[in-house]
PDB file of N, CA and C in Angstrom:
ATOM      1  N   MET A   1     134.654  76.907 180.071  1.00  0.00           N
ATOM      2  CA  MET A   1     133.496  77.757 179.333  1.00  0.00           C
ATOM      3  C   MET A   1     134.823  78.605 178.404  1.00  0.00           C
ATOM      4  N   GLY A   2     135.147  78.406 177.135  1.00  0.00           N
ATOM      5  CA  GLY A   2     134.853  79.312 176.144  1.00  0.00           C
ATOM      6  C   GLY A   2     133.980  79.855 175.406  1.00  0.00           C
ATOM      7  N   LYS A   3     134.716  81.330 174.728  1.00  0.00           N
ATOM      8  CA  LYS A   3     133.630  81.877 173.795  1.00  0.00           C
ATOM      9  C   LYS A   3     132.958  81.523 172.899  1.00  0.00           C
ATOM     10  N   LYS A   4     131.637  81.627 172.967  1.00  0.00           N
ATOM     11  CA  LYS A   4     131.408  81.447 172.064  1.00  0.00           C
ATOM     12  C   LYS A   4     131.355  83.102 170.849  1.00  0.00           C
ATOM     13  N   HIS A   5     130.702  81.627 169.627  1.00  0.00           N
ATOM     14  CA  HIS A   5     131.016  82.388 168.233  1.00  0.00           C
ATOM     15  C   HIS A   5     129.940  81.692 167.313  1.00  0.00           C
ATOM     16  N   PHE A   6     128.969  83.334 166.798  1.00  0.00           N
ATOM     17  CA  PHE A   6     127.476  83.109 166.640  1.00  0.00           C
ATOM     18  C   PHE A   6     127.860  83.320 164.413  1.00  0.00           C
ATOM     19  N   VAL A   7     127.754  82.687 163.652  1.00  0.00           N
ATOM     20  CA  VAL A   7     127.098  83.361 162.292  1.00  0.00           C
ATOM     21  C   VAL A   7     125.572  83.419 162.410  1.00  0.00           C
ATOM     22  N   TYR A   8     124.469  84.706 161.886  1.00  0.00           N
ATOM     23  CA  TYR A   8     123.054  84.959 161.607  1.00  0.00           C
ATOM     24  C   TYR A   8     123.661  85.375 161.313  1.00  0.00           C
ATOM     25  N   ILE A   9     121.434  85.415 160.379  1.00  0.00           N
ATOM     26  CA  ILE A   9     120.272  85.546 159.158  1.00  0.00           C
ATOM     27  C   ILE A   9     119.534  86.463 159.847  1.00  0.00           C
ATOM     28  N   LEU A  10     119.273  87.948 159.900  1.00  0.00           N
ATOM     29  CA  LEU A  10     118.763  88.876 159.885  1.00  0.00           C
ATOM     30  C   LEU A  10     117.848  89.206 158.811  1.00  0.00           C
ATOM     31  N   LEU A  11     116.173  89.304 159.277  1.00  0.00           N
ATOM     32  CA  LEU A  11     115.272  89.717 158.100  1.00  0.00           C
ATOM     33  C   LEU A  11     114.602  90.826 158.154  1.00  0.00           C
ATOM     34  N   THR A  12     114.555  92.333 157.040  1.00  0.00           N
ATOM     35  CA  THR A  12     115.210  93.568 157.703  1.00  0.00           C
ATOM     36  C   THR A  12     114.067  93.837 156.795  1.00  0.00           C
ATOM     37  N   GLU A  13     112.516  95.061 157.455  1.00  0.00           N
ATOM     38  CA  GLU A  13     111.591  95.177 157.412  1.00  0.00           C
ATOM     39  C   GLU A  13     111.491  95.070 155.508  1.00  0.00           C
ATOM     40  N   ASN A  14     112.432  95.159 154.937  1.00  0.00           N
ATOM     41  CA  ASN A  14     112.964  95.916 153.036  1.00  0.00           C
ATOM     42  C   ASN A  14     112.381  94.429 152.499  1.00  0.00           C
ATOM     43  N   ASN A  15     112.067  93.033 153.247  1.00  0.00           N
ATOM     44  CA  ASN A  15     113.003  91.738 153.113  1.00  0.00           C
ATOM     45  C   ASN A  15     114.659  92.315 152.480  1.00  0.00           C
ATOM     46  N   THR A  16     114.910  91.713 153.221  1.00  0.00           N
ATOM     47  CA  THR A  16     116.564  91.624 152.516  1.00  0.00           C
ATOM     48  C   THR A  16     116.632  90.928 154.138  1.00  0.00           C
ATOM     49  N   LEU A  17     117.754  90.136 153.897  1.00  0.00           N
ATOM     50  CA  LEU A  17     118.453  89.604 154.673  1.00  0.00           C
ATOM     51  C   LEU A  17     120.212  90.193 154.795  1.00  0.00           C
ATOM     52  N   TYR A  18     120.609  90.170 155.945  1.00  0.00           N
ATOM     53  CA  TYR A  18     121.550  90.317 156.481  1.00  0.00           C
ATOM     54  C   TYR A  18     122.713  89.166 157.306  1.00  0.00           C
ATOM     55  N   CYS A  19     123.734  89.348 157.100  1.00  0.00           N
ATOM     56  CA  CYS A  19     124.119  87.937 157.645  1.00  0.00           C
ATOM     57  C   CYS A  19     125.627  89.256 158.087  1.00  0.00           C
ATOM     58  N   GLY A  20     125.337  88.492 159.696  1.00  0.00           N
ATOM     59  CA  GLY A  20     127.190  89.039 160.379  1.00  0.00           C
ATOM     60  C   GLY A  20     127.681  88.091 161.271  1.00  0.00           C
ATOM     61  N   TYR A  21     128.676  88.025 162.095  1.00  0.00           N
ATOM     62  CA  TYR A  21     129.809  87.423 162.925  1.00  0.00           C
ATOM     63  C   TYR A  21     129.042  88.659 164.878  1.00  0.00           C
ATOM     64  N   THR A  22     129.151  87.190 165.122  1.00  0.00           N
ATOM     65  CA  THR A  22     128.580  87.580 166.745  1.00  0.00           C
ATOM     66  C   THR A  22     129.634  86.856 167.697  1.00  0.00           C
ATOM     67  N   ASP A  23     129.471  86.947 169.027  1.00  0.00           N
ATOM     68  CA  ASP A  23     129.000  86.803 170.149  1.00  0.00           C
ATOM     69  C   ASP A  23     128.314  86.245 171.795  1.00  0.00           C
ATOM     70  N   ASP A  24     127.573  87.075 170.483  1.00  0.00           N
ATOM     71  CA  ASP A  24     126.813  86.860 171.539  1.00  0.00           C
ATOM     72  C   ASP A  24     124.730  87.636 170.319  1.00  0.00           C
ATOM     73  N   VAL A  25     123.961  87.111 170.508  1.00  0.00           N
ATOM     74  CA  VAL A  25     123.582  87.185 168.644  1.00  0.00           C
ATOM     75  C   VAL A  25     122.592  88.058 169.856  1.00  0.00           C
ATOM     76  N   GLU A  26     121.436  87.425 171.054  1.00  0.00           N
ATOM     77  CA  GLU A  26     120.827  88.609 171.022  1.00  0.00           C
ATOM     78  C   GLU A  26     121.529  89.828 170.807  1.00  0.00           C
ATOM     79  N   LYS A  27     121.921  89.915 172.064  1.00  0.00           N
ATOM     80  CA  LYS A  27     123.064  91.165 172.751  1.00  0.00           C
ATOM     81  C   LYS A  27     123.245  91.622 171.216  1.00  0.00           C
ATOM     82  N   ARG A  28     123.794  91.429 170.523  1.00  0.00           N
ATOM     83  CA  ARG A  28     123.870  91.994 168.402  1.00  0.00           C
ATOM     84  C   ARG A  28     122.843  92.088 167.932  1.00  0.00           C
ATOM     85  N   PHE A  29     121.459  90.986 167.520  1.00  0.00           N
ATOM     86  CA  PHE A  29     120.302  92.034 167.762  1.00  0.00           C
ATOM     87  C   PHE A  29     119.916  92.975 167.770  1.00  0.00           C
ATOM     88  N   ALA A  30     120.011  93.243 169.532  1.00  0.00           N
ATOM     89  CA  ALA A  30     119.205  94.920 169.649  1.00  0.00           C
ATOM     90  C   ALA A  30     119.966  95.116 169.113  1.00  0.00           C
ATOM     91  N   ALA A  31     121.260  95.957 169.566  1.00  0.00           N
ATOM     92  CA  ALA A  31     122.473  97.403 169.018  1.00  0.00           C
ATOM     93  C   ALA A  31     122.421  97.245 167.434  1.00  0.00           C
ATOM     94  N   HIS A  32     121.798  95.839 166.673  1.00  0.00           N
ATOM     95  CA  HIS A  32     120.447  96.290 165.453  1.00  0.00           C
ATOM     96  C   HIS A  32     119.735  97.113 165.962  1.00  0.00           C
ATOM     97  N   LEU A  33     118.621  97.214 166.327  1.00  0.00           N
ATOM     98  CA  LEU A  33     117.562  97.600 166.103  1.00  0.00           C
ATOM     99  C   LEU A  33     117.904  98.720 167.028  1.00  0.00           C
ATOM    100  N   GLU A  34     118.914  99.291 167.173  1.00  0.00           N
ATOM    101  CA  GLU A  34     119.204 100.527 168.378  1.00  0.00           C
ATOM    102  C   GLU A  34     119.930 101.469 166.862  1.00  0.00           C
ATOM    103  N   GLY A  35     120.064 100.569 165.892  1.00  0.00           N
ATOM    104  CA  GLY A  35     120.582 101.153 165.241  1.00  0.00           C
ATOM    105  C   GLY A  35     122.126 101.288 164.949  1.00  0.00           C
ATOM    106  N   ARG A  36     123.186 100.564 166.779  1.00  0.00           N
ATOM    107  CA  ARG A  36     124.209 100.340 165.849  1.00  0.00           C
ATOM    108  C   ARG A  36     124.754  99.396 166.016  1.00  0.00           C
ATOM    109  N   GLY A  37     124.534  98.289 165.277  1.00  0.00           N
ATOM    110  CA  GLY A  37     124.562  97.476 164.756  1.00  0.00           C
ATOM    111  C   GLY A  37     125.367  96.866 163.211  1.00  0.00           C
ATOM    112  N   ALA A  38     125.690  97.681 162.419  1.00  0.00           N
ATOM    113  CA  ALA A  38     126.183  97.997 160.926  1.00  0.00           C
ATOM    114  C   ALA A  38     125.010  99.053 160.138  1.00  0.00           C
ATOM    115  N   LYS A  39     126.053  99.625 159.683  1.00  0.00           N
ATOM    116  CA  LYS A  39     125.585 100.190 158.659  1.00  0.00           C
ATOM    117  C   LYS A  39     124.465 100.329 157.791  1.00  0.00           C
ATOM    118  N   TYR A  40     124.270  98.523 157.464  1.00  0.00           N
ATOM    119  CA  TYR A  40     123.881  98.813 156.453  1.00  0.00           C
ATOM    120  C   TYR A  40     121.633  97.994 157.663  1.00  0.00           C
ATOM    121  N   THR A  41     121.811  97.635 158.502  1.00  0.00           N
ATOM    122  CA  THR A  41     121.151  97.322 159.107  1.00  0.00           C
ATOM    123  C   THR A  41     119.894  98.920 159.927  1.00  0.00           C
ATOM    124  N   LYS A  42     120.960  99.350 160.108  1.00  0.00           N
ATOM    125  CA  LYS A  42     120.759 101.369 160.153  1.00  0.00           C
ATOM    126  C   LYS A  42     119.605 101.241 159.079  1.00  0.00           C
ATOM    127  N   ALA A  43     119.878 101.433 157.591  1.00  0.00           N
ATOM    128  CA  ALA A  43     119.009 101.941 156.835  1.00  0.00           C
ATOM    129  C   ALA A  43     117.276 101.183 156.739  1.00  0.00           C
ATOM    130  N   ASN A  44     118.596  99.766 157.075  1.00  0.00           N
ATOM    131  CA  ASN A  44     117.249  98.091 156.233  1.00  0.00           C
ATOM    132  C   ASN A  44     116.691  98.321 158.034  1.00  0.00           C
ATOM    133  N   LYS A  45     116.430  98.023 158.870  1.00  0.00           N
ATOM    134  CA  LYS A  45     115.668  97.664 160.077  1.00  0.00           C
ATOM    135  C   LYS A  45     115.397  95.906 160.361  1.00  0.00           C
ATOM    136  N   PRO A  46     116.272  95.526 160.763  1.00  0.00           N
ATOM    137  CA  PRO A  46     115.789  94.229 161.078  1.00  0.00           C
ATOM    138  C   PRO A  46     114.550  94.311 161.748  1.00  0.00           C
ATOM    139  N   VAL A  47     113.992  92.975 161.563  1.00  0.00           N
ATOM    140  CA  VAL A  47     112.254  92.092 162.368  1.00  0.00           C
ATOM    141  C   VAL A  47     113.275  91.253 162.891  1.00  0.00           C
ATOM    142  N   LYS A  48     114.165  90.034 162.501  1.00  0.00           N
ATOM    143  CA  LYS A  48     113.769  88.998 162.668  1.00  0.00           C
ATOM    144  C   LYS A  48     114.964  88.117 163.248  1.00  0.00           C
ATOM    145  N   ILE A  49     115.578  87.537 163.808  1.00  0.00           N
ATOM    146  CA  ILE A  49     116.529  86.969 163.280  1.00  0.00           C
ATOM    147  C   ILE A  49     115.923  85.197 163.515  1.00  0.00           C
ATOM    148  N   LEU A  50     116.255  85.156 161.664  1.00  0.00           N
ATOM    149  CA  LEU A  50     115.670  83.539 160.902  1.00  0.00           C
ATOM    150  C   LEU A  50     116.857  82.682 161.807  1.00  0.00           C
ATOM    151  N   TRP A  51     118.080  82.502 161.672  1.00  0.00           N
ATOM    152  CA  TRP A  51     119.255  82.251 161.284  1.00  0.00           C
ATOM    153  C   TRP A  51     120.655  82.097 161.984  1.00  0.00           C
ATOM    154  N   GLN A  52     120.677  81.163 163.239  1.00  0.00           N
ATOM    155  CA  GLN A  52     122.278  81.332 163.813  1.00  0.00           C
ATOM    156  C   GLN A  52     123.153  80.254 163.635  1.00  0.00           C
ATOM    157  N   LYS A  53     124.719  79.882 163.868  1.00  0.00           N
ATOM    158  CA  LYS A  53     124.928  78.620 164.086  1.00  0.00           C
ATOM    159  C   LYS A  53     126.495  79.031 164.922  1.00  0.00           C
ATOM    160  N   GLU A  54     126.402  77.969 165.507  1.00  0.00           N
ATOM    161  CA  GLU A  54     127.115  78.439 166.490  1.00  0.00           C
ATOM    162  C   GLU A  54     128.550  77.883 165.503  1.00  0.00           C
ATOM    163  N   PHE A  55     129.984  77.903 166.383  1.00  0.00           N
ATOM    164  CA  PHE A  55     131.365  77.362 165.539  1.00  0.00           C
ATOM    165  C   PHE A  55     131.888  77.809 166.839  1.00  0.00           C
ATOM    166  N   GLU A  56     133.457  77.115 166.884  1.00  0.00           N
ATOM    167  CA  GLU A  56     134.293  76.380 167.758  1.00  0.00           C
ATOM    168  C   GLU A  56     134.967  77.591 167.608  1.00  0.00           C
ATOM    169  N   THR A  57     135.591  77.929 166.694  1.00  0.00           N
ATOM    170  CA  THR A  57     136.815  79.325 166.711  1.00  0.00           C
ATOM    171  C   THR A  57     135.946  80.638 166.097  1.00  0.00           C
ATOM    172  N   LYS A  58     136.169  82.232 165.599  1.00  0.00           N
ATOM    173  CA  LYS A  58     135.895  82.369 165.311  1.00  0.00           C
ATOM    174  C   LYS A  58     136.731  82.375 164.077  1.00  0.00           C
ATOM    175  N   GLN A  59     137.499  82.111 163.873  1.00  0.00           N
ATOM    176  CA  GLN A  59     137.797  82.038 162.269  1.00  0.00           C
ATOM    177  C   GLN A  59     137.237  81.678 161.592  1.00  0.00           C
ATOM    178  N   ASP A  60     137.170  79.635 162.156  1.00  0.00           N
ATOM    179  CA  ASP A  60     135.450  79.266 161.354  1.00  0.00           C
ATOM    180  C   ASP A  60     134.299  80.209 161.377  1.00  0.00           C
ATOM    181  N   ALA A  61     132.993  80.808 162.464  1.00  0.00           N
ATOM    182  CA  ALA A  61     132.875  81.817 161.806  1.00  0.00           C
ATOM    183  C   ALA A  61     132.975  82.770 161.870  1.00  0.00           C
ATOM    184  N   MET A  62     133.848  83.314 161.216  1.00  0.00           N
ATOM    185  CA  MET A  62     134.519  84.277 160.480  1.00  0.00           C
ATOM    186  C   MET A  62     134.752  83.861 158.744  1.00  0.00           C
ATOM    187  N   LYS A  63     134.806  82.855 159.130  1.00  0.00           N
ATOM    188  CA  LYS A  63     134.952  81.898 157.570  1.00  0.00           C
ATOM    189  C   LYS A  63     133.756  81.859 156.472  1.00  0.00           C
ATOM    190  N   GLU A  64     132.445  80.995 157.211  1.00  0.00           N
ATOM    191  CA  GLU A  64     130.897  80.960 157.188  1.00  0.00           C
ATOM    192  C   GLU A  64     130.590  82.254 156.786  1.00  0.00           C
ATOM    193  N   GLU A  65     130.283  83.229 157.459  1.00  0.00           N
ATOM    194  CA  GLU A  65     130.019  84.572 157.864  1.00  0.00           C
ATOM    195  C   GLU A  65     131.195  85.344 156.495  1.00  0.00           C
ATOM    196  N   TYR A  66     131.465  85.199 155.704  1.00  0.00           N
ATOM    197  CA  TYR A  66     131.949  85.447 154.128  1.00  0.00           C
ATOM    198  C   TYR A  66     131.910  84.370 152.799  1.00  0.00           C
ATOM    199  N   ARG A  67     131.723  83.154 152.920  1.00  0.00           N
ATOM    200  CA  ARG A  67     130.834  83.027 151.878  1.00  0.00           C
ATOM    201  C   ARG A  67     129.711  82.821 152.598  1.00  0.00           C
ATOM    202  N   ILE A  68     129.185  82.686 153.353  1.00  0.00           N
ATOM    203  CA  ILE A  68     127.455  83.446 152.849  1.00  0.00           C
ATOM    204  C   ILE A  68     127.196  84.477 152.599  1.00  0.00           C
ATOM    205  N   LYS A  69     127.855  85.780 153.628  1.00  0.00           N
ATOM    206  CA  LYS A  69     127.918  86.914 152.773  1.00  0.00           C
ATOM    207  C   LYS A  69     128.231  86.847 150.923  1.00  0.00           C
ATOM    208  N   HIS A  70     128.852  86.595 150.802  1.00  0.00           N
ATOM    209  CA  HIS A  70     129.837  86.886 149.494  1.00  0.00           C
ATOM    210  C   HIS A  70     129.907  85.179 148.324  1.00  0.00           C
ATOM    211  N   LYS A  71     129.371  84.655 148.896  1.00  0.00           N
ATOM    212  CA  LYS A  71     130.189  83.318 148.178  1.00  0.00           C
ATOM    213  C   LYS A  71     128.156  82.685 147.535  1.00  0.00           C
ATOM    214  N   LEU A  72     127.422  82.894 149.073  1.00  0.00           N
ATOM    215  CA  LEU A  72     125.549  82.868 147.934  1.00  0.00           C
ATOM    216  C   LEU A  72     124.384  84.027 147.880  1.00  0.00           C
ATOM    217  N   THR A  73     123.490  83.101 147.180  1.00  0.00           N
ATOM    218  CA  THR A  73     122.592  83.765 146.140  1.00  0.00           C
ATOM    219  C   THR A  73     121.632  83.843 147.323  1.00  0.00           C
ATOM    220  N   ARG A  74     120.076  84.596 146.918  1.00  0.00           N
ATOM    221  CA  ARG A  74     119.212  84.562 148.562  1.00  0.00           C
ATOM    222  C   ARG A  74     118.741  83.449 148.627  1.00  0.00           C
ATOM    223  N   GLN A  75     118.335  82.876 147.050  1.00  0.00           N
ATOM    224  CA  GLN A  75     118.027  81.932 147.158  1.00  0.00           C
ATOM    225  C   GLN A  75     118.554  80.437 148.095  1.00  0.00           C
ATOM    226  N   GLU A  76     119.788  80.479 147.762  1.00  0.00           N
ATOM    227  CA  GLU A  76     120.826  79.537 148.392  1.00  0.00           C
ATOM    228  C   GLU A  76     120.913  79.851 150.726  1.00  0.00           C
ATOM    229  N   LYS A  77     121.032  81.465 150.738  1.00  0.00           N
ATOM    230  CA  LYS A  77     120.610  81.592 151.724  1.00  0.00           C
ATOM    231  C   LYS A  77     119.231  81.568 151.992  1.00  0.00           C
ATOM    232  N   LEU A  78     117.958  81.547 151.866  1.00  0.00           N
ATOM    233  CA  LEU A  78     116.829  80.732 151.833  1.00  0.00           C
ATOM    234  C   LEU A  78     116.329  78.810 152.288  1.00  0.00           C
ATOM    235  N   ASN A  79     117.075  78.654 151.739  1.00  0.00           N
ATOM    236  CA  ASN A  79     117.848  77.237 151.051  1.00  0.00           C
ATOM    237  C   ASN A  79     118.165  76.759 153.131  1.00  0.00           C
ATOM    238  N   LEU A  80     119.090  77.500 153.432  1.00  0.00           N
ATOM    239  CA  LEU A  80     120.390  77.240 154.191  1.00  0.00           C
ATOM    240  C   LEU A  80     119.647  77.337 155.527  1.00  0.00           C
ATOM    241  N   ILE A  81     119.290  78.299 155.491  1.00  0.00           N
ATOM    242  CA  ILE A  81     117.989  78.583 156.124  1.00  0.00           C
ATOM    243  C   ILE A  81     116.801  78.101 156.860  1.00  0.00           C
ATOM    244  N   LYS A  82     115.963  78.129 155.453  1.00  0.00           N
ATOM    245  CA  LYS A  82     115.133  76.393 155.744  1.00  0.00           C
ATOM    246  C   LYS A  82     114.795  75.366 155.921  1.00  0.00           C
ATOM    247  N   SER A  83     116.426  74.559 155.509  1.00  0.00           N
ATOM    248  CA  SER A  83     117.216  72.770 156.073  1.00  0.00           C
ATOM    249  C   SER A  83     117.724  73.813 158.130  1.00  0.00           C
ATOM    250  N   SER A  84     117.095  74.340 158.033  1.00  0.00           N
ATOM    251  CA  SER A  84     117.997  74.051 159.656  1.00  0.00           C
ATOM    252  C   SER A  84     116.661  75.270 160.751  1.00  0.00           C
ATOM    253  N   HIS A  85     116.181  75.309 160.365  1.00  0.00           N
ATOM    254  CA  HIS A  85     115.016  76.889 160.327  1.00  0.00           C
ATOM    255  C   HIS A  85     115.043  76.113 162.167  1.00  0.00           C
ATOM    256  N   ILE A  86     115.190  77.561 163.082  1.00  0.00           N
ATOM    257  CA  ILE A  86     115.368  77.997 164.248  1.00  0.00           C
ATOM    258  C   ILE A  86     114.073  78.146 165.388  1.00  0.00           C
ATOM    259  N   SER A  87     113.458  78.619 165.012  1.00  0.00           N
ATOM    260  CA  SER A  87     111.766  78.935 165.089  1.00  0.00           C
ATOM    261  C   SER A  87     111.904  78.133 166.754  1.00  0.00           C
TER     262      SER A  87
END
């Protein structure tokens, strides 16, 4: 079994969205909660994981992370989350 690759979107307590890449979503979320995940989530405490998707390759996951971060508006990100809700 190969390594897993995920892109995820977090909701912060400031009601902002943060998108990232990881090979372990739960472990990465815990790192964000401890202030070790990213500079952004150190200043904007994450509340919960809103969305995650698994990819075959790291390259595919990184492409999707870039697309979400740099190409999608907040509303488009919310639509993505709504269309594939993980609750």
